[in-house]
C-alpha atoms as a PDB file:
ATOM      1  CA  MET A   1      55.565 186.942 173.491  1.00  0.00           C
ATOM      2  CA  ARG A   2      56.886 189.448 170.987  1.00  0.00           C
ATOM      3  CA  VAL A   3      53.689 191.488 171.405  1.00  0.00           C
ATOM      4  CA  ILE A   4      54.122 191.561 175.183  1.00  0.00           C
ATOM      5  CA  ALA A   5      57.757 192.629 174.866  1.00  0.00           C
ATOM      6  CA  LEU A   6      56.969 195.317 172.309  1.00  0.00           C
ATOM      7  CA  LEU A   7      54.040 196.696 174.323  1.00  0.00           C
ATOM      8  CA  SER A   8      56.142 196.725 177.504  1.00  0.00           C
ATOM      9  CA  LEU A   9      58.905 198.674 175.775  1.00  0.00           C
ATOM     10  CA  PHE A  10      56.420 201.166 174.376  1.00  0.00           C
ATOM     11  CA  LEU A  11      54.707 201.782 177.717  1.00  0.00           C
ATOM     12  CA  GLY A  12      57.993 201.928 179.611  1.00  0.00           C
ATOM     13  CA  PHE A  13      59.679 204.470 177.369  1.00  0.00           C
ATOM     14  CA  MET A  14      56.501 206.540 176.987  1.00  0.00           C
ATOM     15  CA  GLY A  15      56.167 206.723 180.764  1.00  0.00           C
ATOM     16  CA  MET A  16      59.649 208.233 181.053  1.00  0.00           C
ATOM     17  CA  MET A  17      58.622 210.989 178.618  1.00  0.00           C
ATOM     18  CA  LEU A  18      55.600 212.155 180.635  1.00  0.00           C
ATOM     19  CA  LEU A  19      56.091 215.592 182.209  1.00  0.00           C
ATOM     20  CA  ASP A  20      53.631 215.385 185.097  1.00  0.00           C
ATOM     21  CA  GLY A  21      56.209 215.513 187.875  1.00  0.00           C
ATOM     22  CA  GLN A  22      55.745 211.862 188.907  1.00  0.00           C
ATOM     23  CA  THR A  23      59.270 210.819 187.931  1.00  0.00           C
ATOM     24  CA  PHE A  24      59.730 208.208 190.676  1.00  0.00           C
ATOM     25  CA  THR A  25      56.456 206.467 189.857  1.00  0.00           C
ATOM     26  CA  HIS A  26      57.318 206.368 186.164  1.00  0.00           C
ATOM     27  CA  ALA A  27      60.783 204.983 186.952  1.00  0.00           C
ATOM     28  CA  VAL A  28      59.276 202.161 189.025  1.00  0.00           C
ATOM     29  CA  MET A  29      56.837 201.356 186.232  1.00  0.00           C
ATOM     30  CA  GLY A  30      59.717 201.511 183.755  1.00  0.00           C
ATOM     31  CA  ILE A  31      61.588 198.837 185.709  1.00  0.00           C
ATOM     32  CA  ILE A  32      58.512 196.602 185.717  1.00  0.00           C
ATOM     33  CA  PHE A  33      57.932 197.087 181.990  1.00  0.00           C
ATOM     34  CA  GLY A  34      61.650 196.580 181.327  1.00  0.00           C
ATOM     35  CA  ILE A  35      61.616 193.218 183.136  1.00  0.00           C
ATOM     36  CA  ALA A  36      58.474 192.245 181.212  1.00  0.00           C
ATOM     37  CA  ALA A  37      60.220 193.149 177.949  1.00  0.00           C
ATOM     38  CA  ILE A  38      63.267 191.052 178.886  1.00  0.00           C
ATOM     39  CA  TRP A  39      61.077 188.075 179.731  1.00  0.00           C
ATOM     40  CA  GLY A  40      58.960 188.445 176.608  1.00  0.00           C
ATOM     41  CA  GLY A  41      61.981 188.952 174.334  1.00  0.00           C
ATOM     42  CA  LEU A  42      63.896 185.960 175.659  1.00  0.00           C
ATOM     43  CA  ALA A  43      60.793 183.783 175.567  1.00  0.00           C
ATOM     44  CA  SER A  44      60.217 184.825 171.962  1.00  0.00           C
ATOM     45  CA  ALA A  45      63.841 184.049 171.071  1.00  0.00           C
ATOM     46  CA  ARG A  46      63.595 180.551 172.583  1.00  0.00           C
ATOM     47  CA  LYS A  47      60.257 179.886 170.912  1.00  0.00           C
ATOM     48  CA  ASP A  48      61.493 180.964 167.471  1.00  0.00           C
ATOM     49  CA  HIS A  49      64.817 179.147 167.687  1.00  0.00           C
ATOM     50  CA  ALA A  50      64.368 177.775 164.158  1.00  0.00           C
ATOM     51  CA  ILE A  51      63.928 181.232 162.603  1.00  0.00           C
ATOM     52  CA  ALA A  52      67.096 183.350 162.929  1.00  0.00           C
ATOM     53  CA  GLU A  53      65.455 186.675 162.147  1.00  0.00           C
ATOM     54  CA  ARG A  54      62.759 186.293 164.771  1.00  0.00           C
ATOM     55  CA  ARG A  55      65.289 185.010 167.305  1.00  0.00           C
ATOM     56  CA  ARG A  56      67.437 188.080 166.720  1.00  0.00           C
ATOM     57  CA  LEU A  57      64.400 190.352 167.103  1.00  0.00           C
ATOM     58  CA  GLY A  58      63.537 188.732 170.414  1.00  0.00           C
ATOM     59  CA  ARG A  59      67.060 189.272 171.707  1.00  0.00           C
ATOM     60  CA  ILE A  60      66.991 192.911 170.609  1.00  0.00           C
ATOM     61  CA  MET A  61      63.763 193.512 172.514  1.00  0.00           C
ATOM     62  CA  ALA A  62      65.231 191.789 175.571  1.00  0.00           C
ATOM     63  CA  ALA A  63      68.309 194.020 175.342  1.00  0.00           C
ATOM     64  CA  LEU A  64      66.151 197.125 175.069  1.00  0.00           C
ATOM     65  CA  GLY A  65      64.188 195.963 178.085  1.00  0.00           C
ATOM     66  CA  LEU A  66      67.436 195.614 180.021  1.00  0.00           C
ATOM     67  CA  VAL A  67      68.462 199.140 179.006  1.00  0.00           C
ATOM     68  CA  LEU A  68      65.075 200.466 180.099  1.00  0.00           C
ATOM     69  CA  ALA A  69      65.204 198.710 183.475  1.00  0.00           C
ATOM     70  CA  LEU A  70      68.772 199.850 184.214  1.00  0.00           C
ATOM     71  CA  PHE A  71      68.066 203.431 183.165  1.00  0.00           C
ATOM     72  CA  CYS A  72      64.980 203.592 185.377  1.00  0.00           C
ATOM     73  CA  ALA A  73      66.849 202.032 188.304  1.00  0.00           C
ATOM     74  CA  ILE A  74      69.519 204.751 188.048  1.00  0.00           C
ATOM     75  CA  GLN A  75      66.780 207.418 188.007  1.00  0.00           C
ATOM     76  CA  LEU A  76      65.075 206.162 191.183  1.00  0.00           C
ATOM     77  CA  PRO A  77      66.941 208.245 193.840  1.00  0.00           C
ATOM     78  CA  SER A  78      66.798 211.579 192.004  1.00  0.00           C
ATOM     79  CA  GLY A  79      63.285 210.825 190.738  1.00  0.00           C
ATOM     80  CA  TYR A  80      62.068 210.235 194.287  1.00  0.00           C
ATOM     81  CA  ARG A  81      63.483 213.542 195.535  1.00  0.00           C
ATOM     82  CA  PHE A  82      62.063 215.465 192.565  1.00  0.00           C
ATOM     83  CA  GLN A  83      58.606 213.902 192.918  1.00  0.00           C
ATOM     84  CA  GLU A  84      58.498 214.649 196.641  1.00  0.00           C
ATOM     85  CA  ARG A  85      59.316 218.323 196.054  1.00  0.00           C
ATOM     86  CA  PHE A  86      56.859 218.542 193.154  1.00  0.00           C
ATOM     87  CA  ASN A  87      54.002 216.993 195.129  1.00  0.00           C
ATOM     88  CA  ALA A  88      54.727 219.177 198.164  1.00  0.00           C
ATOM     89  CA  ARG A  89      54.572 222.358 196.070  1.00  0.00           C
ATOM     90  CA  SER A  90      51.402 221.118 194.384  1.00  0.00           C
ATOM     91  CA  ARG A  91      49.691 220.400 197.717  1.00  0.00           C
ATOM     92  CA  GLU A  92      50.739 223.801 199.061  1.00  0.00           C
ATOM     93  CA  PHE A  93      49.453 225.601 195.968  1.00  0.00           C
ATOM     94  CA  HIS A  94      46.075 223.858 195.840  1.00  0.00           C
ATOM     95  CA  GLY A  95      45.643 223.854 199.601  1.00  0.00           C
ATOM     96  CA  ARG A  96      46.148 227.592 199.866  1.00  0.00           C
ATOM     97  CA  ASN A  97      43.549 228.358 197.231  1.00  0.00           C
ATOM     98  CA  HIS A  98      41.023 225.787 198.424  1.00  0.00           C
ATOM     99  CA  VAL A  99      41.240 226.889 202.038  1.00  0.00           C
ATOM    100  CA  ASN A 100      40.954 230.593 201.282  1.00  0.00           C
ATOM    101  CA  PRO A 101      40.074 231.254 197.632  1.00  0.00           C
ATOM    102  CA  SER A 102      39.101 234.856 198.433  1.00  0.00           C
ATOM    103  CA  ALA A 103      42.781 235.609 199.123  1.00  0.00           C
ATOM    104  CA  ASP A 104      43.412 235.802 195.378  1.00  0.00           C
ATOM    105  CA  PHE A 105      40.755 238.487 194.915  1.00  0.00           C
ATOM    106  CA  HIS A 106      41.873 240.428 197.982  1.00  0.00           C
ATOM    107  CA  ALA A 107      45.442 240.490 196.625  1.00  0.00           C
ATOM    108  CA  LEU A 108      44.107 242.454 193.629  1.00  0.00           C
ATOM    109  CA  GLY A 109      42.002 244.764 195.776  1.00  0.00           C
ATOM    110  CA  LEU A 110      38.790 242.932 194.856  1.00  0.00           C
ATOM    111  CA  GLU A 111      36.194 241.414 197.127  1.00  0.00           C
ATOM    112  CA  ASP A 112      35.051 238.411 195.096  1.00  0.00           C
ATOM    113  CA  VAL A 113      34.492 237.050 191.585  1.00  0.00           C
ATOM    114  CA  ASP A 114      31.445 239.263 191.034  1.00  0.00           C
ATOM    115  CA  GLU A 115      33.466 242.400 191.693  1.00  0.00           C
ATOM    116  CA  ALA A 116      36.232 241.085 189.403  1.00  0.00           C
ATOM    117  CA  LYS A 117      33.697 240.537 186.604  1.00  0.00           C
ATOM    118  CA  LYS A 118      32.363 244.072 187.050  1.00  0.00           C
ATOM    119  CA  LEU A 119      35.900 245.420 186.792  1.00  0.00           C
ATOM    120  CA  PHE A 120      36.687 243.497 183.613  1.00  0.00           C
ATOM    121  CA  ASP A 121      33.339 244.440 182.079  1.00  0.00           C
ATOM    122  CA  ILE A 122      34.421 248.085 182.114  1.00  0.00           C
ATOM    123  CA  TYR A 123      37.240 247.405 179.648  1.00  0.00           C
ATOM    124  CA  LYS A 124      37.144 246.435 175.987  1.00  0.00           C
ATOM    125  CA  GLN A 125      40.592 244.830 176.062  1.00  0.00           C
ATOM    126  CA  VAL A 126      41.698 242.284 178.658  1.00  0.00           C
ATOM    127  CA  TYR A 127      44.935 240.525 177.801  1.00  0.00           C
ATOM    128  CA  ILE A 128      48.348 239.441 179.036  1.00  0.00           C
ATOM    129  CA  ALA A 129      51.500 240.836 177.448  1.00  0.00           C
ATOM    130  CA  GLN A 130      55.131 239.867 178.021  1.00  0.00           C
ATOM    131  CA  ILE A 131      57.534 242.764 178.531  1.00  0.00           C
ATOM    132  CA  PHE A 132      60.547 242.955 176.216  1.00  0.00           C
ATOM    133  CA  GLU A 133      61.633 246.527 177.080  1.00  0.00           C
ATOM    134  CA  ASP A 134      61.034 249.029 179.864  1.00  0.00           C
ATOM    135  CA  TYR A 135      62.629 252.357 180.730  1.00  0.00           C
ATOM    136  CA  TRP A 136      62.007 255.591 182.641  1.00  0.00           C
ATOM    137  CA  GLU A 137      61.524 259.119 181.333  1.00  0.00           C
ATOM    138  CA  ASP A 138      62.109 262.228 183.446  1.00  0.00           C
ATOM    139  CA  GLU A 139      59.420 264.835 182.737  1.00  0.00           C
ATOM    140  CA  GLY A 140      61.264 267.587 184.573  1.00  0.00           C
ATOM    141  CA  LEU A 141      61.339 269.176 187.989  1.00  0.00           C
ATOM    142  CA  HIS A 142      58.163 268.864 190.087  1.00  0.00           C
ATOM    143  CA  LYS A 143      56.571 266.614 187.456  1.00  0.00           C
ATOM    144  CA  SER A 144      55.702 262.931 187.516  1.00  0.00           C
ATOM    145  CA  SER A 145      58.138 260.567 185.845  1.00  0.00           C
ATOM    146  CA  LEU A 146      57.002 258.034 183.251  1.00  0.00           C
ATOM    147  CA  HIS A 147      57.668 254.303 183.365  1.00  0.00           C
ATOM    148  CA  CYS A 148      57.362 253.077 179.775  1.00  0.00           C
ATOM    149  CA  PHE A 149      56.870 249.505 178.616  1.00  0.00           C
ATOM    150  CA  LYS A 150      56.963 247.644 175.314  1.00  0.00           C
ATOM    151  CA  ALA A 151      55.489 244.154 175.170  1.00  0.00           C
ATOM    152  CA  SER A 152      54.054 241.370 173.029  1.00  0.00           C
ATOM    153  CA  VAL A 153      50.534 240.033 173.541  1.00  0.00           C
ATOM    154  CA  THR A 154      50.597 236.408 174.708  1.00  0.00           C
ATOM    155  CA  THR A 155      47.069 235.672 175.984  1.00  0.00           C
ATOM    156  CA  ILE A 156      43.782 237.341 175.035  1.00  0.00           C
ATOM    157  CA  TYR A 157      40.749 237.139 177.327  1.00  0.00           C
ATOM    158  CA  LYS A 158      38.693 239.911 175.790  1.00  0.00           C
ATOM    159  CA  GLY A 159      39.010 242.244 172.806  1.00  0.00           C
ATOM    160  CA  GLY A 160      40.191 242.218 169.219  1.00  0.00           C
ATOM    161  CA  LEU A 161      43.954 242.044 169.644  1.00  0.00           C
ATOM    162  CA  ASN A 162      46.054 239.282 168.098  1.00  0.00           C
ATOM    163  CA  THR A 163      48.576 237.046 169.821  1.00  0.00           C
ATOM    164  CA  GLY A 164      52.070 238.335 169.131  1.00  0.00           C
ATOM    165  CA  GLU A 165      50.915 241.901 168.520  1.00  0.00           C
ATOM    166  CA  LYS A 166      53.290 244.547 169.867  1.00  0.00           C
ATOM    167  CA  VAL A 167      51.863 246.964 172.438  1.00  0.00           C
ATOM    168  CA  SER A 168      53.311 249.907 174.337  1.00  0.00           C
ATOM    169  CA  PHE A 169      52.046 251.634 177.463  1.00  0.00           C
ATOM    170  CA  TYR A 170      53.204 253.750 180.383  1.00  0.00           C
ATOM    171  CA  TYR A 171      52.128 254.995 183.764  1.00  0.00           C
ATOM    172  CA  CYS A 172      52.958 258.104 185.761  1.00  0.00           C
ATOM    173  CA  ALA A 173      54.894 257.713 188.989  1.00  0.00           C
ATOM    174  CA  ASP A 174      54.932 260.352 191.702  1.00  0.00           C
ATOM    175  CA  ALA A 175      58.657 259.881 192.174  1.00  0.00           C
ATOM    176  CA  PRO A 176      61.891 260.759 190.361  1.00  0.00           C
ATOM    177  CA  ALA A 177      62.675 258.663 187.298  1.00  0.00           C
ATOM    178  CA  LEU A 178      64.882 255.679 188.041  1.00  0.00           C
ATOM    179  CA  THR A 179      68.121 255.126 186.180  1.00  0.00           C
ATOM    180  CA  VAL A 180      67.569 251.396 185.741  1.00  0.00           C
ATOM    181  CA  SER A 181      66.030 249.989 182.572  1.00  0.00           C
ATOM    182  CA  ASN A 182      64.684 246.609 181.426  1.00  0.00           C
ATOM    183  CA  ALA A 183      64.101 245.523 185.020  1.00  0.00           C
ATOM    184  CA  PHE A 184      60.764 243.964 183.994  1.00  0.00           C
ATOM    185  CA  VAL A 185      61.936 242.217 180.811  1.00  0.00           C
ATOM    186  CA  GLY A 186      60.416 238.731 180.646  1.00  0.00           C
ATOM    187  CA  SER A 187      57.635 239.574 183.106  1.00  0.00           C
ATOM    188  CA  ASN A 188      53.975 239.126 182.174  1.00  0.00           C
ATOM    189  CA  MET A 189      51.404 241.848 182.819  1.00  0.00           C
ATOM    190  CA  LEU A 190      47.632 241.716 182.759  1.00  0.00           C
ATOM    191  CA  LEU A 191      46.513 244.878 180.935  1.00  0.00           C
ATOM    192  CA  LEU A 192      43.032 246.392 180.967  1.00  0.00           C
ATOM    193  CA  ALA A 193      42.381 248.963 178.233  1.00  0.00           C
ATOM    194  CA  ASN A 194      39.590 250.539 176.202  1.00  0.00           C
ATOM    195  CA  GLY A 195      41.530 251.560 173.094  1.00  0.00           C
ATOM    196  CA  HIS A 196      43.698 249.695 170.653  1.00  0.00           C
ATOM    197  CA  ALA A 197      46.997 249.124 172.388  1.00  0.00           C
ATOM    198  CA  ALA A 198      49.370 249.595 169.432  1.00  0.00           C
ATOM    199  CA  ASN A 199      50.080 253.188 170.551  1.00  0.00           C
ATOM    200  CA  ASP A 200      51.332 254.475 173.887  1.00  0.00           C
ATOM    201  CA  ILE A 201      48.425 254.182 176.289  1.00  0.00           C
ATOM    202  CA  PRO A 202      48.474 255.726 179.763  1.00  0.00           C
ATOM    203  CA  PHE A 203      47.592 253.274 182.502  1.00  0.00           C
ATOM    204  CA  GLY A 204      46.346 254.148 185.939  1.00  0.00           C
ATOM    205  CA  VAL A 205      46.357 252.174 189.167  1.00  0.00           C
ATOM    206  CA  GLY A 206      44.090 249.157 188.738  1.00  0.00           C
ATOM    207  CA  ASP A 207      44.531 249.068 184.963  1.00  0.00           C
ATOM    208  CA  PHE A 208      47.462 246.657 185.030  1.00  0.00           C
ATOM    209  CA  PHE A 209      48.748 243.859 187.239  1.00  0.00           C
ATOM    210  CA  LEU A 210      51.933 241.809 187.243  1.00  0.00           C
ATOM    211  CA  VAL A 211      50.825 238.256 186.553  1.00  0.00           C
ATOM    212  CA  ASP A 212      51.384 236.009 189.556  1.00  0.00           C
ATOM    213  CA  THR A 213      49.508 233.090 191.112  1.00  0.00           C
ATOM    214  CA  ASN A 214      46.765 235.379 192.445  1.00  0.00           C
ATOM    215  CA  VAL A 215      46.139 236.961 189.048  1.00  0.00           C
ATOM    216  CA  GLN A 216      46.081 233.559 187.348  1.00  0.00           C
ATOM    217  CA  GLN A 217      43.492 232.230 189.791  1.00  0.00           C
ATOM    218  CA  VAL A 218      41.277 235.300 189.380  1.00  0.00           C
ATOM    219  CA  LEU A 219      41.441 235.009 185.583  1.00  0.00           C
ATOM    220  CA  GLN A 220      40.469 231.348 185.734  1.00  0.00           C
ATOM    221  CA  CYS A 221      37.443 232.248 187.850  1.00  0.00           C
ATOM    222  CA  VAL A 222      36.328 235.121 185.625  1.00  0.00           C
ATOM    223  CA  PHE A 223      37.187 233.459 182.294  1.00  0.00           C
ATOM    224  CA  PRO A 224      36.839 229.713 183.013  1.00  0.00           C
ATOM    225  CA  GLU A 225      36.671 228.860 179.302  1.00  0.00           C
ATOM    226  CA  ARG A 226      40.042 230.491 178.598  1.00  0.00           C
ATOM    227  CA  ARG A 227      43.158 228.854 180.010  1.00  0.00           C
ATOM    228  CA  GLN A 228      46.655 230.273 179.730  1.00  0.00           C
END
């Protein structure tokens, strides 16, 4: 009986620690395992009535089972609402991509995975970097302004860069320089380059993309062995 109680406690508490979005299901299972722990603990305490230490252990496991069951019961309403929202978003995400997977490529101006592979083959460096600083520079009247970025490499798909390496880049905008700065801090960008990115590298249209769901799906198709 002690083994049943101990196993029930282990499974019940471990289930509450899982981060898969199924909070309601885990709470229901926690109640079941909690009741099993109570039953097993009390049965063990009655069976070992002549041995005080074992009787005390059985009561402790029964008490822990009660705590587990009550905690899970309290979590049921909020867990149900959270799981419903999580599952709805998951179905929407997977449904959109399964129904029309080409939408991800079209969002990047690409026709299909073959065209995406041809694009990435042109570059020596394909990586994602997280922005920690961005600002604008005014090059003067009748000249393009520069939008400058500083970032840290977070994911490498191709090339010899290292995770955590600092990179800086910029692109020319046919518009006056903005007065805002650090508007992109925390954003992730997919960068396509041919040189080492430690120095300021000019990027053109099609050389960089803000990482969103479309970009993530395209990367998974082109680099299936590399997950973010």
